[in-house]
C-alpha atoms as a PDB file:
ATOM      1  CA  MET A   1     -44.607 -68.918 -17.916  1.00  0.00           C
ATOM      2  CA  THR A   2     -45.054 -65.156 -17.953  1.00  0.00           C
ATOM      3  CA  TYR A   3     -46.539 -62.817 -15.392  1.00  0.00           C
ATOM      4  CA  ASP A   4     -48.902 -59.915 -15.998  1.00  0.00           C
ATOM      5  CA  LEU A   5     -49.856 -56.840 -14.021  1.00  0.00           C
ATOM      6  CA  THR A   6     -53.059 -54.850 -14.592  1.00  0.00           C
ATOM      7  CA  LEU A   7     -54.010 -51.643 -12.772  1.00  0.00           C
ATOM      8  CA  GLU A   8     -57.034 -49.391 -13.297  1.00  0.00           C
ATOM      9  CA  ARG A   9     -57.788 -45.828 -12.275  1.00  0.00           C
ATOM     10  CA  LEU A  10     -60.677 -43.463 -12.978  1.00  0.00           C
ATOM     11  CA  ILE A  11     -59.259 -40.026 -13.809  1.00  0.00           C
ATOM     12  CA  ASP A  12     -61.365 -36.858 -13.786  1.00  0.00           C
ATOM     13  CA  ALA A  13     -60.388 -35.722 -17.277  1.00  0.00           C
ATOM     14  CA  PRO A  14     -61.557 -36.695 -20.781  1.00  0.00           C
ATOM     15  CA  PRO A  15     -59.637 -39.415 -22.687  1.00  0.00           C
ATOM     16  CA  GLU A  16     -58.143 -36.913 -25.168  1.00  0.00           C
ATOM     17  CA  VAL A  17     -56.574 -34.924 -22.328  1.00  0.00           C
ATOM     18  CA  VAL A  18     -55.264 -38.036 -20.558  1.00  0.00           C
ATOM     19  CA  PHE A  19     -53.842 -39.515 -23.767  1.00  0.00           C
ATOM     20  CA  ASP A  20     -52.172 -36.256 -24.780  1.00  0.00           C
ATOM     21  CA  THR A  21     -50.731 -35.821 -21.287  1.00  0.00           C
ATOM     22  CA  ILE A  22     -49.139 -39.280 -21.387  1.00  0.00           C
ATOM     23  CA  VAL A  23     -47.391 -38.658 -24.718  1.00  0.00           C
ATOM     24  CA  ASP A  24     -46.714 -34.902 -24.632  1.00  0.00           C
ATOM     25  CA  PRO A  25     -42.931 -34.395 -24.496  1.00  0.00           C
ATOM     26  CA  ALA A  26     -43.498 -31.167 -22.521  1.00  0.00           C
ATOM     27  CA  ALA A  27     -45.440 -33.076 -19.834  1.00  0.00           C
ATOM     28  CA  GLN A  28     -42.734 -35.672 -19.166  1.00  0.00           C
ATOM     29  CA  PRO A  29     -40.753 -33.674 -16.569  1.00  0.00           C
ATOM     30  CA  GLU A  30     -44.007 -32.985 -14.699  1.00  0.00           C
ATOM     31  CA  ILE A  31     -45.047 -36.653 -14.793  1.00  0.00           C
ATOM     32  CA  PHE A  32     -41.660 -37.856 -13.580  1.00  0.00           C
ATOM     33  CA  ALA A  33     -41.138 -35.041 -11.034  1.00  0.00           C
ATOM     34  CA  GLU A  34     -42.580 -36.949  -8.094  1.00  0.00           C
ATOM     35  CA  GLN A  35     -41.822 -40.519  -9.155  1.00  0.00           C
ATOM     36  CA  ALA A  36     -38.956 -40.983  -6.711  1.00  0.00           C
ATOM     37  CA  PRO A  37     -37.626 -38.497  -4.137  1.00  0.00           C
ATOM     38  CA  GLY A  38     -34.258 -37.109  -5.217  1.00  0.00           C
ATOM     39  CA  TRP A  39     -34.641 -38.316  -8.814  1.00  0.00           C
ATOM     40  CA  GLU A  40     -35.425 -36.423 -12.002  1.00  0.00           C
ATOM     41  CA  LEU A  41     -35.850 -36.955 -15.712  1.00  0.00           C
ATOM     42  CA  TRP A  42     -32.440 -36.513 -17.381  1.00  0.00           C
ATOM     43  CA  GLU A  43     -33.367 -37.114 -21.033  1.00  0.00           C
ATOM     44  CA  TRP A  44     -36.519 -37.989 -22.954  1.00  0.00           C
ATOM     45  CA  GLU A  45     -37.840 -38.243 -26.489  1.00  0.00           C
ATOM     46  CA  ILE A  46     -41.145 -39.397 -27.960  1.00  0.00           C
ATOM     47  CA  ASP A  47     -41.759 -40.234 -31.636  1.00  0.00           C
ATOM     48  CA  LEU A  48     -45.490 -40.969 -31.465  1.00  0.00           C
ATOM     49  CA  ARG A  49     -46.160 -43.365 -34.339  1.00  0.00           C
ATOM     50  CA  VAL A  50     -46.191 -47.114 -34.812  1.00  0.00           C
ATOM     51  CA  GLY A  51     -42.502 -48.037 -35.016  1.00  0.00           C
ATOM     52  CA  GLY A  52     -41.503 -44.789 -33.282  1.00  0.00           C
ATOM     53  CA  ALA A  53     -39.418 -44.742 -30.120  1.00  0.00           C
ATOM     54  CA  TRP A  54     -40.190 -43.483 -26.622  1.00  0.00           C
ATOM     55  CA  THR A  55     -37.022 -43.177 -24.584  1.00  0.00           C
ATOM     56  CA  PHE A  56     -36.118 -41.710 -21.245  1.00  0.00           C
ATOM     57  CA  VAL A  57     -33.327 -41.645 -18.697  1.00  0.00           C
ATOM     58  CA  PHE A  58     -34.397 -41.101 -15.077  1.00  0.00           C
ATOM     59  CA  GLY A  59     -31.821 -40.766 -12.333  1.00  0.00           C
ATOM     60  CA  PRO A  60     -30.558 -39.032  -9.207  1.00  0.00           C
ATOM     61  CA  VAL A  61     -30.718 -35.223  -9.177  1.00  0.00           C
ATOM     62  CA  ASP A  62     -26.967 -35.101  -8.471  1.00  0.00           C
ATOM     63  CA  ARG A  63     -26.356 -37.186 -11.637  1.00  0.00           C
ATOM     64  CA  THR A  64     -24.494 -39.952  -9.762  1.00  0.00           C
ATOM     65  CA  GLY A  65     -25.237 -43.658  -9.750  1.00  0.00           C
ATOM     66  CA  ASP A  66     -26.971 -45.799 -12.323  1.00  0.00           C
ATOM     67  CA  PRO A  67     -30.062 -44.148 -13.804  1.00  0.00           C
ATOM     68  CA  ASP A  68     -33.038 -46.078 -15.103  1.00  0.00           C
ATOM     69  CA  ARG A  69     -33.091 -46.205 -18.910  1.00  0.00           C
ATOM     70  CA  SER A  70     -36.190 -47.060 -20.897  1.00  0.00           C
ATOM     71  CA  SER A  71     -36.405 -47.640 -24.615  1.00  0.00           C
ATOM     72  CA  SER A  72     -39.815 -48.435 -26.074  1.00  0.00           C
ATOM     73  CA  VAL A  73     -41.118 -48.988 -29.578  1.00  0.00           C
ATOM     74  CA  PHE A  74     -44.764 -48.164 -30.209  1.00  0.00           C
ATOM     75  CA  THR A  75     -46.734 -51.107 -31.600  1.00  0.00           C
ATOM     76  CA  GLU A  76     -50.124 -49.391 -31.462  1.00  0.00           C
ATOM     77  CA  VAL A  77     -51.140 -45.726 -31.341  1.00  0.00           C
ATOM     78  CA  ASP A  78     -54.901 -45.148 -31.356  1.00  0.00           C
ATOM     79  CA  ARG A  79     -55.599 -41.665 -29.961  1.00  0.00           C
ATOM     80  CA  PRO A  80     -57.365 -41.306 -27.546  1.00  0.00           C
ATOM     81  CA  ARG A  81     -58.149 -44.963 -26.829  1.00  0.00           C
ATOM     82  CA  ARG A  82     -54.996 -47.038 -26.719  1.00  0.00           C
ATOM     83  CA  LEU A  83     -51.201 -47.084 -26.640  1.00  0.00           C
ATOM     84  CA  SER A  84     -49.095 -50.208 -26.744  1.00  0.00           C
ATOM     85  CA  TYR A  85     -45.342 -50.501 -26.798  1.00  0.00           C
ATOM     86  CA  ARG A  86     -42.551 -52.994 -26.239  1.00  0.00           C
ATOM     87  CA  LEU A  87     -40.137 -51.858 -23.519  1.00  0.00           C
ATOM     88  CA  GLU A  88     -36.564 -52.636 -22.727  1.00  0.00           C
ATOM     89  CA  MET A  89     -35.801 -51.052 -19.367  1.00  0.00           C
ATOM     90  CA  PHE A  90     -32.560 -50.984 -17.405  1.00  0.00           C
ATOM     91  CA  LEU A  91     -33.366 -50.529 -13.727  1.00  0.00           C
ATOM     92  CA  GLY A  92     -30.347 -49.251 -11.796  1.00  0.00           C
ATOM     93  CA  GLN A  93     -31.744 -50.412  -8.452  1.00  0.00           C
ATOM     94  CA  TRP A  94     -32.054 -53.952  -9.797  1.00  0.00           C
ATOM     95  CA  GLY A  95     -28.827 -53.766 -11.815  1.00  0.00           C
ATOM     96  CA  ARG A  96     -30.446 -55.423 -14.800  1.00  0.00           C
ATOM     97  CA  THR A  97     -32.562 -54.972 -17.891  1.00  0.00           C
ATOM     98  CA  VAL A  98     -36.121 -56.235 -18.166  1.00  0.00           C
ATOM     99  CA  GLU A  99     -38.284 -56.516 -21.267  1.00  0.00           C
ATOM    100  CA  PHE A 100     -42.061 -56.514 -21.443  1.00  0.00           C
ATOM    101  CA  THR A 101     -45.069 -55.103 -23.269  1.00  0.00           C
ATOM    102  CA  GLU A 102     -47.153 -52.285 -21.816  1.00  0.00           C
ATOM    103  CA  THR A 103     -50.632 -51.410 -23.040  1.00  0.00           C
ATOM    104  CA  VAL A 104     -52.534 -48.349 -21.844  1.00  0.00           C
ATOM    105  CA  THR A 105     -56.265 -48.336 -22.562  1.00  0.00           C
ATOM    106  CA  LEU A 106     -58.446 -45.259 -22.045  1.00  0.00           C
ATOM    107  CA  GLU A 107     -62.234 -45.568 -21.856  1.00  0.00           C
ATOM    108  CA  GLU A 108     -64.591 -42.610 -21.569  1.00  0.00           C
ATOM    109  CA  ARG A 109     -66.853 -42.825 -18.508  1.00  0.00           C
ATOM    110  CA  ASP A 110     -69.227 -39.874 -18.096  1.00  0.00           C
ATOM    111  CA  GLY A 111     -66.595 -37.257 -18.945  1.00  0.00           C
ATOM    112  CA  LYS A 112     -63.893 -39.084 -17.020  1.00  0.00           C
ATOM    113  CA  THR A 113     -61.387 -41.679 -18.187  1.00  0.00           C
ATOM    114  CA  LEU A 114     -60.945 -45.227 -16.989  1.00  0.00           C
ATOM    115  CA  VAL A 115     -57.223 -45.844 -17.477  1.00  0.00           C
ATOM    116  CA  THR A 116     -56.078 -49.453 -17.593  1.00  0.00           C
ATOM    117  CA  VAL A 117     -52.342 -50.138 -17.592  1.00  0.00           C
ATOM    118  CA  HIS A 118     -51.427 -53.712 -18.479  1.00  0.00           C
ATOM    119  CA  LEU A 119     -47.871 -55.058 -18.335  1.00  0.00           C
ATOM    120  CA  SER A 120     -47.444 -58.432 -20.018  1.00  0.00           C
ATOM    121  CA  ASP A 121     -44.611 -60.837 -20.728  1.00  0.00           C
ATOM    122  CA  LEU A 122     -42.945 -60.167 -17.371  1.00  0.00           C
ATOM    123  CA  GLU A 123     -40.510 -63.003 -16.730  1.00  0.00           C
ATOM    124  CA  SER A 124     -41.028 -63.530 -13.017  1.00  0.00           C
ATOM    125  CA  GLU A 125     -43.303 -62.914 -10.081  1.00  0.00           C
ATOM    126  CA  GLU A 126     -40.483 -60.898  -8.469  1.00  0.00           C
ATOM    127  CA  ILE A 127     -40.317 -58.497 -11.427  1.00  0.00           C
ATOM    128  CA  ARG A 128     -44.111 -58.154 -11.535  1.00  0.00           C
ATOM    129  CA  ASP A 129     -44.197 -57.407  -7.825  1.00  0.00           C
ATOM    130  CA  GLY A 130     -41.323 -54.927  -8.240  1.00  0.00           C
ATOM    131  CA  PHE A 131     -43.356 -52.958 -10.759  1.00  0.00           C
ATOM    132  CA  MET A 132     -46.199 -52.759  -8.229  1.00  0.00           C
ATOM    133  CA  GLY A 133     -43.969 -50.234  -6.463  1.00  0.00           C
ATOM    134  CA  GLY A 134     -43.581 -47.935  -9.476  1.00  0.00           C
ATOM    135  CA  VAL A 135     -46.538 -48.226 -11.841  1.00  0.00           C
ATOM    136  CA  PRO A 136     -49.125 -46.847  -9.360  1.00  0.00           C
ATOM    137  CA  GLY A 137     -46.914 -43.768  -8.869  1.00  0.00           C
ATOM    138  CA  TRP A 138     -46.710 -43.274 -12.650  1.00  0.00           C
ATOM    139  CA  ILE A 139     -50.502 -43.431 -12.854  1.00  0.00           C
ATOM    140  CA  ASP A 140     -50.759 -40.971  -9.916  1.00  0.00           C
ATOM    141  CA  ALA A 141     -48.492 -38.560 -11.781  1.00  0.00           C
ATOM    142  CA  ILE A 142     -50.521 -38.861 -14.983  1.00  0.00           C
ATOM    143  CA  GLU A 143     -53.680 -38.225 -12.969  1.00  0.00           C
ATOM    144  CA  ARG A 144     -52.216 -35.064 -11.388  1.00  0.00           C
ATOM    145  CA  ALA A 145     -50.986 -33.702 -14.716  1.00  0.00           C
ATOM    146  CA  ALA A 146     -54.130 -34.605 -16.687  1.00  0.00           C
ATOM    147  CA  THR A 147     -56.582 -33.196 -14.137  1.00  0.00           C
ATOM    148  CA  ALA A 148     -54.553 -29.967 -13.987  1.00  0.00           C
ATOM    149  CA  ARG A 149     -54.644 -29.726 -17.782  1.00  0.00           C
ATOM    150  CA  ALA A 150     -58.389 -30.485 -17.882  1.00  0.00           C
ATOM    151  CA  ALA A 151     -59.055 -27.679 -15.359  1.00  0.00           C
ATOM    152  CA  ARG A 152     -57.326 -25.081 -17.575  1.00  0.00           C
END
């Protein structure tokens, strides 16, 4: 049995702006800036193509402790409608690695974007519920960055 998590948010920016914000290497520090108090993005790289990698290391500002490490491989890139990737993520707080698929769908709605984030192939209810603590904050950060970009 696998567990899934699906979250939706209507963002006041067009799909092209939201999509580009999610994958823009320059936007990553802004997106991750408020993810967790006292934490920052240490390293990141995005090779936006099917088969390309999206990696990041996110850890304490003082560079101590176990950072979170994410390594994804894009399985679908359809700008500005859809991104899908297979993740392998080490979560320092959990002391373990989890693997799952994440799909981000963007639908235009009267000049705004309905963002749907779907995590699939999660191995347990505990892991799914654990991501409920982080995924909404990631979407919040994308919303802040995308609406700021759309206003420029």
